[in-house]
Amino acid sequence: MKKAKEEFTVINLPMGRECVILEGKGKHYFNAMLLAGGNELKFVKYIILELALIDGVLLTENEIDNMHIRDTNAISEVISLMMSNEFGIG
């Protein structure tokens, strides 16, 4: 049996859907960095694609491109918080 993916949190998006944000690991960070090719704006997109699930499935690039900006921003803010030192770690 596969181990369940670790959740960082679950958020209710402004447009009414529920989104699970996975606990970020180095593999997510480095994969997003690689895909972004050093572009910080693309990094935000790719880290969302690595960590955000809706209906139990990771988002696709097409889905995030067509997602309401309020939902995209809400997901980005939560991932940014997870990546920050706001929890007093370190």
Protein backbone atom coordinates (compact mmCIF):
# COMPACT_ATOMS: atom_id res chain seq x y z
CA MET A 1 0.00 0.00 0.00
CA LYS A 2 1.37 3.40 -0.98
CA LYS A 3 1.88 5.92 1.76
CA ALA A 4 -0.59 8.80 1.58
CA LYS A 5 0.89 12.10 0.42
CA GLU A 6 1.63 14.46 3.26
CA GLU A 7 -0.63 17.48 3.42
CA PHE A 8 0.56 20.91 4.51
CA THR A 9 -2.98 22.28 4.62
CA VAL A 10 -6.36 22.32 2.92
CA ILE A 11 -7.77 25.64 1.75
CA ASN A 12 -11.13 26.76 0.46
CA LEU A 13 -10.46 28.73 -2.69
CA PRO A 14 -12.28 32.02 -3.31
CA MET A 15 -14.21 30.56 -6.26
CA GLY A 16 -15.56 27.69 -4.12
CA ARG A 17 -13.29 24.72 -4.73
CA GLU A 18 -11.17 22.95 -2.12
CA CYS A 19 -7.41 22.65 -2.63
CA VAL A 20 -4.95 20.41 -0.80
CA ILE A 21 -1.45 21.84 -0.53
CA LEU A 22 1.14 19.11 -0.12
CA GLU A 23 4.04 19.44 2.29
CA GLY A 24 6.89 20.71 0.11
CA LYS A 25 10.05 18.66 -0.19
CA GLY A 26 13.36 19.35 -1.84
CA LYS A 27 12.33 17.26 -4.85
CA HIS A 28 9.37 19.58 -5.48
CA TYR A 29 11.50 22.68 -5.11
CA PHE A 30 14.29 21.49 -7.40
CA ASN A 31 11.92 20.12 -10.04
CA ALA A 32 10.10 23.46 -10.16
CA MET A 33 13.46 25.30 -10.39
CA LEU A 34 14.55 23.04 -13.24
CA LEU A 35 11.30 23.48 -15.17
CA ALA A 36 11.37 27.25 -14.64
CA GLY A 37 14.88 27.56 -16.04
CA GLY A 38 15.74 30.36 -13.61
CA ASN A 39 12.61 32.42 -14.33
CA GLU A 40 11.10 33.43 -10.97
CA LEU A 41 7.59 33.90 -12.35
CA LYS A 42 7.63 30.48 -13.96
CA PHE A 43 8.93 29.04 -10.68
CA VAL A 44 5.74 30.16 -8.93
CA LYS A 45 3.67 28.36 -11.56
CA TYR A 46 5.71 25.16 -11.42
CA ILE A 47 5.83 24.97 -7.63
CA ILE A 48 2.02 25.26 -7.63
CA LEU A 49 1.88 22.42 -10.16
CA GLU A 50 4.11 20.34 -7.86
CA LEU A 51 2.12 20.92 -4.65
CA ALA A 52 -1.55 21.77 -5.30
CA LEU A 53 -4.26 19.13 -5.64
CA ILE A 54 -7.90 19.65 -6.51
CA ASP A 55 -10.23 16.66 -6.35
CA GLY A 56 -7.22 14.59 -5.26
CA VAL A 57 -5.27 15.24 -8.46
CA LEU A 58 -2.33 17.55 -9.15
CA LEU A 59 -3.26 20.53 -11.28
CA THR A 60 -2.23 20.56 -14.93
CA GLU A 61 -0.62 23.50 -16.65
CA ASN A 62 -3.80 24.02 -18.68
CA GLU A 63 -5.93 24.06 -15.52
CA ILE A 64 -3.77 26.63 -13.77
CA ASP A 65 -3.62 28.78 -16.91
CA ASN A 66 -7.42 28.88 -16.96
CA MET A 67 -7.97 29.11 -13.19
CA HIS A 68 -9.48 32.30 -11.79
CA ILE A 69 -6.73 34.65 -10.68
CA ARG A 70 -8.16 34.80 -7.15
CA ASP A 71 -7.76 31.02 -6.79
CA THR A 72 -4.25 31.09 -8.27
CA ASN A 73 -3.23 33.87 -5.90
CA ALA A 74 -4.69 32.06 -2.86
CA ILE A 75 -2.69 28.93 -3.67
CA SER A 76 0.46 30.97 -4.29
CA GLU A 77 0.10 32.79 -0.96
CA VAL A 78 -0.18 29.53 1.01
CA ILE A 79 2.83 28.00 -0.72
CA SER A 80 4.81 31.21 -0.12
CA LEU A 81 3.95 31.02 3.56
CA MET A 82 5.09 27.39 3.70
CA MET A 83 8.39 28.35 2.04
CA SER A 84 8.99 31.28 4.38
CA ASN A 85 10.44 31.22 7.86
CA GLU A 86 7.16 32.39 9.41
CA PHE A 87 6.95 29.29 11.59
CA GLY A 88 10.14 30.18 13.45
CA ILE A 89 12.02 27.21 12.03
CA GLY A 90 15.72 27.64 11.40
